[in-house]
Every structure is written in C-alpha cells, then in structure tokens.
Amino acid sequence: MNTGLLERHMQEEVGFIELLRVNPIFRRYWIANSISMLGEWFNTVAIFVLIESISTSALAISGIIVLRMFALAIPQLFTGVIADRYSRKMLLVVSNIASALVLIPLFFLRGPQDLWIIYAVSGGLMFLHAIYIPAENAVMPTITAENELLTANALNSGTWSASLAIGSGLGGIVVAAWGVNIAFAINMLSFILAALLLLQIDIPKTKAKKRVGKWWESSLLEVKEGWSIILSTPPVRRIITAKAMWGLFGGGLVYMLILIGAEGGFGNIATGIGMLFAARGIGTGLGPILAKYAFTNREIWPQLLGWLVSIGGLGYCLIGFLEWTPWIVIIVIIAHAASGVNWVLSTVLLQERSEDEWRGRLFATDFLLLTTILGLSTMAAGLLVEFGPLTLREAVLLFAALQILSGLIWTFLVSPGEKKLRNENVVNSQSN
C-alpha cells in the first residue's frame, strides 16, 4: 500500500466523490469495471428474451439460470487459488478479453436448433466470470485505504446495481427496437474497452508462497489450506454463509421475477423483463448507499445480515398478493435494496476479517456457496412451476415465506458467536 493510502488510514470514512478524487488507482479500476458490467447486462436481457421467444417451457429460462450458476460455482474450487497465486490484474484483463471472444457464436444463430449454442456461450461467460470475481474482491483492500474500504465496496456494489438497472432497462429497449445482435455487439465492445483500461492500472499484490510439486497437486493443497483456514476462523466462517442464505430462496424468486415480467401487464416480454430487472438493479444500488450512511455501527452488521434476508422475503410476499402491474417495481426495489445491504456488509466484513495471502480463496468459497445455492434454488423453482401443483403466484408466496423464516433462523444461530467476539474485542481494547 503506498504512502498516500497509509496517510489516509487515520481519517474518517471517505465519501464517494472524495474516494474517486483522491484515489486514482481505484478510480481507473472503477471506470473499467463499470463499463464491463454495463455491457454484460445488455447481453443478459438479450439472452433471456431470445430463449423466451424460441421456447414455451418455463424450464428453458430456469435451465439457463441454473447453468449460469453452476458454471460460476464449480470453477470457484480453483479460481480462488488462481487469484492468490497469479497477477490479479492480468486475471481481470484476460477474463474480459476472453469474454468478448466467447460472444462471437451468438451472431450466427439460425433458430431453435441452436439453443445449445446460447447455453454454451452463457456457460463460457460465467466460467470466465468465476475467474474475475475472486480476483476483483481480493484486489479491493490492496487498492484502498482502511477508511476507504466500505465506501469502495458500496460504490462497487452500487455500480453493479446501476449497471443492472441501466443495462437491463436499455437492453430491453435496444432488443425490442433493433434486435439481440446489437445488444451482443455492445457487450463485446464493453469487454474490450474494460480490458484496455485495466491494462493501465498498477494493482499491488502480496507475493504468494512458492509451492513445490505439480500444479494440480499444489493447487489442491492450497484449496485444502483455504478451506481449513475458513473453517478454523469462526468470525469468517459465520459471515461467509450470509449471501448464500439470501440465495437459498432468493434465487428462485429472481427466476420467477423473469416469469412475472414475461406474463404480467408490462407490454411485451423484453420490456417486462427489462423493467423488473432494472427495478432489481435500482434496489441493489440503493442498498449499498443505505449501508454506508445508515449502518455506521459495525457491531450490529452481523445480526443485521439475517434480518435483511427476511426483509427481502417480505417484499416478495407483497408481490405475491398484488396485481402484477408496473407498480410492483417499487416493491422489487425495496426487496432488493435489502439484498444490496446484505451483500456489501458481508463483503466488507469478510475483507476485514481475512489476510491478503488467502483472501482470493475466501471469496472464491463465498461465491461458490452463493452460486451453488442460487442454482439449486432456481432449479427447484423451475421444476415447481413447470410440474408442481402450485401456480406461479403461489410459488412466489411459498419461496418468499421460506426466505423470511431462513433469515430469522440465520440471525438466531449467528448472534451468540458475534456477541462473544464483541466481548473479546472490548477486553482486548481495554488491556491495550
């Protein structure tokens, strides 16, 4: 960490504008990341619309989501090791360039017989994203000072959400007006531009320990070592389940949000899906801002994570009871604002409770848990809607009620350990 960053350690938490003004490394990283994310959501909406237009089965949409989740999850077994061993900057650059190349087959689709190509491309993009995520999260504490970390994560999460909102909204409009190929082209250009910008950034990294033996042998050893550290560190072990707890039923609810957009009173399919995903993005964008200004007491963060899961479920309960008109976007925003707060608070807690040497493996595990649970949740929801006795509305209510319950249970289980940790910190501070 450079001298300028160290000097800012003793200051209070900086604001969003100040962070971008005084930290040029983070500013350039943030611009590159924003461009990459914005284009990616054009692609996502285009793929959903494309599948919805060539298949009448609810399983077609759930299938692509499940594939995306597992294509994200499985590589996390090793991408954390990669993020801890190799240049994180080059991992970010290469994953963007490779993502642009993977998009090429989408321009040559002929019809329903090429559905497998859409699935293959989506899986490839998520595989590359699995490399990007742990490197991105591990980079954050190395390019920000201690008093910038919460602000940087809030801005990063807010930008992801803004990209979701803007990319989904504009993506729906672009697809409706000019077709999916224009959306794919925009995504390809965004990946290339992001890679070029990331090449200009100097990202520091703690030198990894040298490993002996074959690559796979040493990698397996590091995976085992990473899991051992996580499991033997209770403050980390508790928090690492926070995002996955949201995804336990939230994954199915997000999938059903697509179906609501397709069959609700929103005009056409592209507009409906784009509108609801834009609302989801606005909500998850407001969440990190709320986290920064409303929840300044770090001691309550761990218990708050479970309550936020329940608040999200409560929002979807309301959606289940209301008529599906454009007005439900307000509730979607509120429900996903809660998930946005959960995301940024749990991320900051994990960054603060980990060391740079194993932080990549930590966030790979965090994302492995989340994406696996999201995939299973989406699969269960898809099967329930397609073959189960419940209507879409009844399925929304069931998953929402279970999400409320899961958040309450998580809070009950985590609270004793966090109370003990707070007491230990008080004793340590008094002894010092």
Protein backbone atom coordinates (compact mmCIF):
# COMPACT_ATOMS: atom_id res chain seq x y z
CA MET A 1 0.00 0.00 0.00
CA ASN A 2 1.54 3.38 -0.96
CA THR A 3 2.32 6.30 1.38
CA GLY A 4 -0.73 8.28 0.29
CA LEU A 5 -3.00 5.42 1.23
CA LEU A 6 -1.30 4.99 4.60
CA GLU A 7 -1.72 8.67 5.42
CA ARG A 8 -5.47 8.38 4.86
CA HIS A 9 -5.76 5.44 7.27
CA MET A 10 -6.30 7.70 10.25
CA GLN A 11 -9.07 9.72 8.65
CA GLU A 12 -12.79 9.09 8.83
CA GLU A 13 -14.53 7.04 6.15
CA VAL A 14 -14.37 8.98 2.89
CA GLY A 15 -17.34 9.85 0.67
CA PHE A 16 -17.96 8.51 -2.83
CA ILE A 17 -16.78 11.61 -4.69
CA GLU A 18 -13.75 12.04 -2.44
CA LEU A 19 -12.73 8.41 -2.98
CA LEU A 20 -12.78 8.83 -6.76
CA ARG A 21 -10.93 12.15 -6.47
CA VAL A 22 -8.07 11.14 -4.14
CA ASN A 23 -7.51 7.51 -5.19
CA PRO A 24 -6.60 7.42 -8.91
CA ILE A 25 -5.92 3.66 -8.92
CA PHE A 26 -9.40 2.85 -7.65
CA ARG A 27 -10.92 5.49 -9.95
CA ARG A 28 -9.46 3.87 -13.07
CA TYR A 29 -10.41 0.40 -11.85
CA TRP A 30 -13.96 1.55 -11.13
CA ILE A 31 -14.41 3.08 -14.60
CA ALA A 32 -13.17 -0.12 -16.29
CA ASN A 33 -15.33 -2.35 -14.12
CA SER A 34 -18.41 -0.16 -14.71
CA ILE A 35 -18.05 -0.39 -18.49
CA SER A 36 -17.66 -4.17 -18.35
CA MET A 37 -20.71 -4.65 -16.11
CA LEU A 38 -22.94 -2.30 -18.10
CA GLY A 39 -22.40 -4.18 -21.34
CA GLU A 40 -22.85 -7.54 -19.63
CA TRP A 41 -26.44 -6.73 -18.66
CA PHE A 42 -27.30 -5.89 -22.28
CA ASN A 43 -26.23 -9.46 -23.03
CA THR A 44 -28.19 -11.00 -20.14
CA VAL A 45 -31.52 -9.43 -21.07
CA ALA A 46 -30.96 -10.31 -24.75
CA ILE A 47 -30.35 -13.97 -23.87
CA PHE A 48 -33.47 -14.18 -21.68
CA VAL A 49 -35.60 -12.60 -24.42
CA LEU A 50 -34.07 -14.87 -27.07
CA ILE A 51 -34.81 -18.03 -25.08
CA GLU A 52 -38.32 -16.88 -24.16
CA SER A 53 -39.06 -16.25 -27.85
CA ILE A 54 -37.98 -19.70 -29.07
CA SER A 55 -39.19 -21.87 -26.18
CA THR A 56 -42.53 -22.03 -24.40
CA SER A 57 -41.24 -24.06 -21.44
CA ALA A 58 -40.63 -22.38 -18.08
CA LEU A 59 -37.72 -24.80 -17.71
CA ALA A 60 -35.90 -23.15 -20.62
CA ILE A 61 -35.39 -19.97 -18.59
CA SER A 62 -34.65 -21.79 -15.34
CA GLY A 63 -32.25 -24.04 -17.26
CA ILE A 64 -30.13 -21.12 -18.46
CA ILE A 65 -30.05 -19.61 -14.96
CA VAL A 66 -29.10 -22.93 -13.37
CA LEU A 67 -26.37 -23.44 -15.98
CA ARG A 68 -25.03 -19.93 -15.33
CA MET A 69 -24.97 -20.51 -11.58
CA PHE A 70 -23.18 -23.86 -11.75
CA ALA A 71 -20.76 -22.55 -14.39
CA LEU A 72 -19.94 -19.87 -11.82
CA ALA A 73 -19.87 -22.26 -8.86
CA ILE A 74 -17.75 -25.22 -9.97
CA PRO A 75 -14.66 -23.22 -11.09
CA GLN A 76 -14.61 -21.46 -7.71
CA LEU A 77 -12.96 -24.59 -6.32
CA PHE A 78 -9.78 -23.43 -8.07
CA THR A 79 -10.24 -19.78 -9.11
CA GLY A 80 -9.51 -18.63 -5.57
CA VAL A 81 -6.13 -20.38 -5.75
CA ILE A 82 -5.51 -18.71 -9.12
CA ALA A 83 -6.37 -15.28 -7.65
CA ASP A 84 -3.93 -15.86 -4.77
CA ARG A 85 -1.14 -17.22 -6.98
CA TYR A 86 -1.13 -15.10 -10.15
CA SER A 87 -1.36 -11.43 -11.09
CA ARG A 88 -4.89 -10.34 -10.25
CA LYS A 89 -4.62 -7.51 -12.75
CA MET A 90 -3.91 -9.92 -15.61
CA LEU A 91 -6.75 -12.19 -14.49
CA LEU A 92 -9.14 -9.24 -14.76
CA VAL A 93 -7.78 -8.29 -18.20
CA VAL A 94 -7.72 -11.80 -19.67
CA SER A 95 -11.22 -12.67 -18.43
CA ASN A 96 -12.61 -9.56 -20.18
CA ILE A 97 -10.84 -10.26 -23.48
CA ALA A 98 -11.83 -13.93 -23.44
CA SER A 99 -15.44 -12.97 -22.67
CA ALA A 100 -15.54 -10.78 -25.77
CA LEU A 101 -14.33 -13.70 -27.91
CA VAL A 102 -16.82 -16.14 -26.38
CA LEU A 103 -19.71 -13.92 -27.55
CA ILE A 104 -18.90 -14.38 -31.26
CA PRO A 105 -21.07 -17.52 -31.87
CA LEU A 106 -24.19 -15.61 -30.78
CA PHE A 107 -24.04 -13.59 -34.01
CA PHE A 108 -24.55 -16.74 -36.11
CA LEU A 109 -27.67 -18.25 -34.53
CA ARG A 110 -30.12 -19.71 -37.08
CA GLY A 111 -33.10 -20.71 -34.95
CA PRO A 112 -34.38 -23.00 -32.17
CA GLN A 113 -31.96 -25.73 -33.26
CA ASP A 114 -29.11 -23.54 -31.99
CA LEU A 115 -30.46 -23.24 -28.46
CA TRP A 116 -27.46 -25.27 -27.25
CA ILE A 117 -25.14 -22.52 -28.51
CA ILE A 118 -26.86 -19.98 -26.27
CA TYR A 119 -26.39 -22.31 -23.31
CA ALA A 120 -22.74 -22.97 -24.20
CA VAL A 121 -21.91 -19.27 -24.57
CA SER A 122 -23.67 -18.44 -21.30
CA GLY A 123 -21.74 -21.18 -19.54
CA GLY A 124 -18.47 -19.92 -21.01
CA LEU A 125 -19.14 -16.35 -19.91
CA MET A 126 -19.93 -17.47 -16.38
CA PHE A 127 -16.79 -19.64 -16.25
CA LEU A 128 -14.71 -16.57 -17.09
CA HIS A 129 -16.68 -14.52 -14.58
CA ALA A 130 -15.76 -17.13 -11.98
CA ILE A 131 -12.12 -16.19 -12.57
CA TYR A 132 -12.91 -12.48 -12.40
CA ILE A 133 -14.91 -12.42 -9.13
CA PRO A 134 -12.34 -13.65 -6.55
CA ALA A 135 -9.62 -11.56 -8.19
CA GLU A 136 -11.85 -8.48 -8.08
CA ASN A 137 -12.82 -8.92 -4.41
CA ALA A 138 -9.26 -9.72 -3.36
CA VAL A 139 -8.00 -6.59 -5.12
CA MET A 140 -10.23 -4.15 -3.24
CA PRO A 141 -8.32 -3.97 0.08
CA THR A 142 -5.00 -3.60 -1.79
CA ILE A 143 -6.04 -0.51 -3.77
CA THR A 144 -7.91 1.28 -0.97
CA ALA A 145 -7.02 2.55 2.49
CA GLU A 146 -8.74 1.29 5.61
CA ASN A 147 -11.03 4.32 5.70
CA GLU A 148 -11.94 3.82 2.02
CA LEU A 149 -12.86 0.13 2.05
CA LEU A 150 -16.55 0.42 2.97
CA THR A 151 -17.05 3.31 0.54
CA ALA A 152 -15.24 1.44 -2.25
CA ASN A 153 -17.32 -1.70 -1.74
CA ALA A 154 -20.52 0.32 -1.50
CA LEU A 155 -19.63 2.12 -4.73
CA ASN A 156 -18.67 -1.14 -6.44
CA SER A 157 -21.90 -2.85 -5.38
CA GLY A 158 -23.92 0.23 -6.25
CA THR A 159 -22.29 0.35 -9.67
CA TRP A 160 -23.11 -3.31 -10.29
CA SER A 161 -26.69 -2.49 -9.40
CA ALA A 162 -26.77 0.66 -11.53
CA SER A 163 -25.36 -1.37 -14.41
CA LEU A 164 -28.08 -3.95 -13.84
CA ALA A 165 -30.74 -1.22 -13.82
CA ILE A 166 -29.40 0.79 -16.76
CA GLY A 167 -28.18 -2.21 -18.76
CA SER A 168 -31.42 -4.15 -18.26
CA GLY A 169 -33.61 -1.14 -18.98
CA LEU A 170 -31.68 -0.02 -22.05
CA GLY A 171 -31.08 -3.64 -23.06
CA GLY A 172 -34.81 -4.27 -23.14
CA ILE A 173 -35.33 -1.15 -25.27
CA VAL A 174 -32.44 -1.96 -27.62
CA VAL A 175 -33.56 -5.58 -28.10
CA ALA A 176 -37.17 -4.51 -28.72
CA ALA A 177 -36.10 -1.85 -31.24
CA TRP A 178 -33.05 -3.33 -33.01
CA GLY A 179 -32.76 -6.98 -32.01
CA VAL A 180 -30.43 -9.08 -29.90
CA ASN A 181 -27.33 -8.77 -32.11
CA ILE A 182 -26.94 -5.07 -31.30
CA ALA A 183 -27.06 -5.92 -27.59
CA PHE A 184 -24.40 -8.62 -28.08
CA ALA A 185 -22.19 -6.17 -30.01
CA ILE A 186 -22.45 -3.57 -27.24
CA ASN A 187 -21.44 -6.21 -24.70
CA MET A 188 -18.44 -7.29 -26.78
CA LEU A 189 -17.19 -3.71 -27.11
CA SER A 190 -17.62 -3.12 -23.37
CA PHE A 191 -15.43 -6.14 -22.53
CA ILE A 192 -12.67 -4.99 -24.89
CA LEU A 193 -12.70 -1.40 -23.62
CA ALA A 194 -12.65 -2.56 -19.98
CA ALA A 195 -9.63 -4.78 -20.66
CA LEU A 196 -7.73 -1.90 -22.28
CA LEU A 197 -8.44 0.36 -19.29
CA LEU A 198 -7.43 -2.30 -16.75
CA LEU A 199 -4.08 -2.69 -18.50
CA GLN A 200 -3.23 0.88 -17.44
CA ILE A 201 -3.70 0.20 -13.71
CA ASP A 202 -0.98 -0.75 -11.22
CA ILE A 203 -2.51 -3.27 -8.79
CA PRO A 204 -0.28 -4.40 -5.88
CA LYS A 205 -0.36 -7.96 -4.54
CA THR A 206 1.26 -9.82 -1.67
CA LYS A 207 3.81 -12.28 -3.07
CA ALA A 208 2.46 -15.82 -2.84
CA LYS A 209 4.42 -18.57 -1.14
CA LYS A 210 6.34 -20.80 -3.54
CA ARG A 211 4.80 -24.22 -3.96
CA VAL A 212 6.67 -27.37 -4.88
CA GLY A 213 5.36 -30.22 -6.97
CA LYS A 214 2.95 -30.33 -9.88
CA TRP A 215 0.45 -27.51 -10.47
CA TRP A 216 -2.62 -29.63 -9.70
CA GLU A 217 -1.05 -31.12 -6.59
CA SER A 218 -0.06 -27.74 -5.18
CA SER A 219 -3.41 -26.24 -6.19
CA LEU A 220 -5.32 -28.97 -4.36
CA LEU A 221 -3.11 -28.34 -1.35
CA GLU A 222 -3.94 -24.63 -1.44
CA VAL A 223 -7.68 -25.34 -1.81
CA LYS A 224 -7.49 -27.61 1.24
CA GLU A 225 -5.46 -24.99 3.11
CA GLY A 226 -8.00 -22.27 2.24
CA TRP A 227 -10.96 -24.32 3.48
CA SER A 228 -9.01 -25.19 6.63
CA ILE A 229 -8.36 -21.51 7.37
CA ILE A 230 -12.02 -20.59 6.80
CA LEU A 231 -13.39 -23.43 8.94
CA SER A 232 -10.93 -22.74 11.76
CA THR A 233 -11.71 -18.99 11.82
CA PRO A 234 -15.19 -18.60 13.40
CA PRO A 235 -15.62 -14.87 12.58
CA VAL A 236 -15.09 -15.69 8.89
CA ARG A 237 -16.99 -18.98 8.98
CA ARG A 238 -20.14 -17.29 10.27
CA ILE A 239 -20.22 -14.42 7.76
CA ILE A 240 -19.35 -16.49 4.68
CA THR A 241 -22.85 -18.02 4.71
CA ALA A 242 -24.68 -14.65 4.64
CA LYS A 243 -25.00 -14.25 0.86
CA ALA A 244 -25.82 -17.94 0.39
CA MET A 245 -28.61 -17.65 2.96
CA TRP A 246 -30.21 -14.93 0.83
CA GLY A 247 -29.82 -17.11 -2.26
CA LEU A 248 -31.44 -20.15 -0.63
CA PHE A 249 -34.86 -18.89 -1.71
CA GLY A 250 -33.85 -15.61 -3.37
CA GLY A 251 -32.51 -17.49 -6.40
CA GLY A 252 -35.92 -18.98 -7.09
CA LEU A 253 -37.59 -15.61 -6.54
CA VAL A 254 -35.32 -13.85 -9.05
CA TYR A 255 -36.08 -16.59 -11.59
CA MET A 256 -39.82 -16.14 -11.01
CA LEU A 257 -39.33 -12.38 -11.44
CA ILE A 258 -38.43 -13.14 -15.07
CA LEU A 259 -41.66 -15.13 -15.49
CA ILE A 260 -43.65 -12.29 -13.92
CA GLY A 261 -42.08 -9.89 -16.42
CA ALA A 262 -42.97 -12.24 -19.29
CA GLU A 263 -46.63 -12.75 -18.36
CA GLY A 264 -47.52 -9.60 -16.40
CA GLY A 265 -49.10 -6.44 -17.75
CA PHE A 266 -45.91 -4.77 -19.00
CA GLY A 267 -46.46 -4.62 -22.75
CA ASN A 268 -44.04 -7.01 -24.47
CA ILE A 269 -41.65 -9.59 -23.00
CA ALA A 270 -38.46 -7.54 -23.45
CA THR A 271 -40.00 -4.51 -21.76
CA GLY A 272 -41.38 -6.56 -18.86
CA ILE A 273 -38.16 -8.41 -18.09
CA GLY A 274 -36.09 -5.25 -18.60
CA MET A 275 -38.34 -3.20 -16.32
CA LEU A 276 -38.31 -5.68 -13.42
CA PHE A 277 -34.58 -6.33 -13.69
CA ALA A 278 -33.99 -2.58 -13.82
CA ALA A 279 -36.00 -2.28 -10.59
CA ARG A 280 -33.90 -5.05 -9.09
CA GLY A 281 -30.79 -3.11 -10.08
CA ILE A 282 -32.05 0.16 -8.62
CA GLY A 283 -32.81 -1.62 -5.35
CA THR A 284 -29.44 -3.33 -5.05
CA GLY A 285 -27.85 0.01 -5.94
CA LEU A 286 -29.68 1.90 -3.22
CA GLY A 287 -28.76 -0.80 -0.69
CA PRO A 288 -25.01 -0.06 -0.55
CA ILE A 289 -25.68 3.68 -0.25
CA LEU A 290 -28.06 2.94 2.62
CA ALA A 291 -25.41 0.70 4.18
CA LYS A 292 -22.80 3.45 4.13
CA TYR A 293 -24.92 6.19 5.68
CA ALA A 294 -27.49 4.36 7.83
CA PHE A 295 -25.47 1.50 9.31
CA THR A 296 -22.28 3.08 10.61
CA ASN A 297 -22.16 0.89 13.74
CA ARG A 298 -20.17 -2.16 12.61
CA GLU A 299 -21.11 -4.11 15.74
CA ILE A 300 -24.68 -4.66 14.51
CA TRP A 301 -23.71 -5.70 10.97
CA PRO A 302 -23.58 -9.50 11.50
CA GLN A 303 -27.04 -9.72 13.10
CA LEU A 304 -28.41 -7.28 10.54
CA LEU A 305 -27.49 -9.62 7.68
CA GLY A 306 -30.18 -12.14 8.64
CA TRP A 307 -32.87 -9.50 9.11
CA LEU A 308 -32.10 -8.18 5.63
CA VAL A 309 -32.77 -11.64 4.15
CA SER A 310 -36.18 -11.63 5.87
CA ILE A 311 -36.99 -8.11 4.65
CA GLY A 312 -36.35 -9.24 1.07
CA GLY A 313 -38.73 -12.16 1.57
CA LEU A 314 -41.38 -9.83 2.97
CA GLY A 315 -41.20 -7.71 -0.19
CA TYR A 316 -41.81 -10.74 -2.40
CA CYS A 317 -44.72 -11.77 -0.17
CA LEU A 318 -46.35 -8.46 -1.06
CA ILE A 319 -45.64 -9.06 -4.75
CA GLY A 320 -47.37 -12.43 -4.44
CA PHE A 321 -50.55 -10.79 -3.17
CA LEU A 322 -50.66 -7.78 -5.53
CA GLU A 323 -51.74 -7.49 -9.16
CA TRP A 324 -48.73 -7.67 -11.50
CA THR A 325 -48.70 -4.20 -12.99
CA PRO A 326 -45.76 -1.79 -13.43
CA TRP A 327 -46.41 -0.54 -9.88
CA ILE A 328 -44.78 -3.64 -8.35
CA VAL A 329 -41.39 -2.27 -9.40
CA ILE A 330 -41.48 -0.17 -6.21
CA ILE A 331 -41.64 -3.30 -4.05
CA VAL A 332 -38.96 -5.00 -6.16
CA ILE A 333 -36.71 -2.01 -5.48
CA ILE A 334 -37.28 -2.22 -1.71
CA ALA A 335 -36.81 -6.01 -1.56
CA HIS A 336 -33.53 -5.86 -3.45
CA ALA A 337 -32.29 -2.83 -1.52
CA ALA A 338 -32.24 -5.21 1.47
CA SER A 339 -30.21 -7.74 -0.52
CA GLY A 340 -27.84 -4.95 -1.59
CA VAL A 341 -27.14 -4.03 2.03
CA ASN A 342 -26.60 -7.72 2.87
CA TRP A 343 -24.11 -8.03 0.02
CA VAL A 344 -21.93 -5.02 0.81
CA LEU A 345 -21.88 -5.50 4.60
CA SER A 346 -20.97 -9.20 4.35
CA THR A 347 -18.29 -8.42 1.74
CA VAL A 348 -16.65 -5.74 3.89
CA LEU A 349 -16.76 -7.97 6.98
CA LEU A 350 -15.03 -10.78 5.08
CA GLN A 351 -12.39 -8.41 3.70
CA GLU A 352 -11.70 -7.01 7.16
CA ARG A 353 -11.51 -10.45 8.79
CA SER A 354 -9.13 -12.00 6.22
CA GLU A 355 -5.48 -11.76 5.16
CA ASP A 356 -4.34 -10.90 1.62
CA GLU A 357 -2.49 -14.22 1.29
CA TRP A 358 -5.72 -16.27 1.37
CA ARG A 359 -8.35 -13.63 0.51
CA GLY A 360 -8.77 -14.88 -3.06
CA ARG A 361 -9.65 -18.37 -1.82
CA LEU A 362 -12.00 -16.89 0.76
CA PHE A 363 -14.03 -15.00 -1.84
CA ALA A 364 -13.98 -17.94 -4.23
CA THR A 365 -15.54 -20.01 -1.44
CA ASP A 366 -18.02 -17.23 -0.70
CA PHE A 367 -19.08 -17.15 -4.34
CA LEU A 368 -19.05 -20.95 -4.59
CA LEU A 369 -21.59 -21.19 -1.79
CA LEU A 370 -23.74 -18.40 -3.21
CA THR A 371 -23.83 -19.61 -6.81
CA THR A 372 -24.40 -23.25 -5.87
CA ILE A 373 -27.33 -22.31 -3.65
CA LEU A 374 -28.71 -19.94 -6.31
CA GLY A 375 -28.52 -22.70 -8.91
CA LEU A 376 -30.29 -25.24 -6.70
CA SER A 377 -32.92 -22.68 -5.70
CA THR A 378 -33.61 -21.78 -9.32
CA MET A 379 -33.78 -25.44 -10.32
CA ALA A 380 -36.29 -26.16 -7.56
CA ALA A 381 -38.42 -23.16 -8.54
CA GLY A 382 -38.35 -24.12 -12.23
CA LEU A 383 -39.45 -27.68 -11.52
CA LEU A 384 -42.13 -26.46 -9.13
CA VAL A 385 -43.60 -24.00 -11.63
CA GLU A 386 -43.39 -26.44 -14.56
CA PHE A 387 -44.57 -29.67 -12.93
CA GLY A 388 -45.77 -28.81 -9.43
CA PRO A 389 -49.30 -28.23 -8.15
CA LEU A 390 -48.69 -24.53 -7.50
CA THR A 391 -49.38 -21.57 -9.75
CA LEU A 392 -46.62 -19.00 -10.32
CA ARG A 393 -48.21 -16.69 -7.76
CA GLU A 394 -48.44 -19.45 -5.15
CA ALA A 395 -44.82 -20.43 -5.78
CA VAL A 396 -43.73 -16.81 -5.22
CA LEU A 397 -45.58 -16.74 -1.89
CA LEU A 398 -44.07 -20.07 -0.79
CA PHE A 399 -40.48 -19.06 -1.55
CA ALA A 400 -40.98 -15.61 -0.01
CA ALA A 401 -42.34 -17.07 3.24
CA LEU A 402 -39.44 -19.52 3.45
CA GLN A 403 -36.96 -16.69 2.86
CA ILE A 404 -38.41 -14.75 5.79
CA LEU A 405 -38.03 -17.82 8.00
CA SER A 406 -34.48 -18.59 6.85
CA GLY A 407 -33.29 -15.07 7.68
CA LEU A 408 -34.68 -15.31 11.20
CA ILE A 409 -33.05 -18.73 11.76
CA TRP A 410 -29.66 -17.46 10.49
CA THR A 411 -29.78 -14.49 12.88
CA PHE A 412 -30.60 -16.79 15.81
CA LEU A 413 -27.66 -19.10 15.02
CA VAL A 414 -25.07 -16.38 14.38
CA SER A 415 -25.84 -13.97 17.24
CA PRO A 416 -24.17 -15.90 20.13
CA GLY A 417 -20.81 -16.13 18.34
CA GLU A 418 -20.85 -12.47 17.35
CA LYS A 419 -21.73 -11.40 20.89
CA LYS A 420 -18.76 -13.40 22.18
CA LEU A 421 -16.49 -11.78 19.56
CA ARG A 422 -17.62 -8.28 20.59
CA ASN A 423 -16.90 -9.04 24.24
CA GLU A 424 -13.43 -10.34 23.36
CA ASN A 425 -12.71 -7.18 21.35
CA VAL A 426 -13.78 -5.00 24.29
CA VAL A 427 -11.48 -6.92 26.67
CA ASN A 428 -8.57 -6.70 24.21
CA SER A 429 -9.03 -2.96 23.67
CA GLN A 430 -9.13 -2.34 27.44
CA SER A 431 -5.99 -4.40 28.03
CA ASN A 432 -4.16 -2.42 25.35
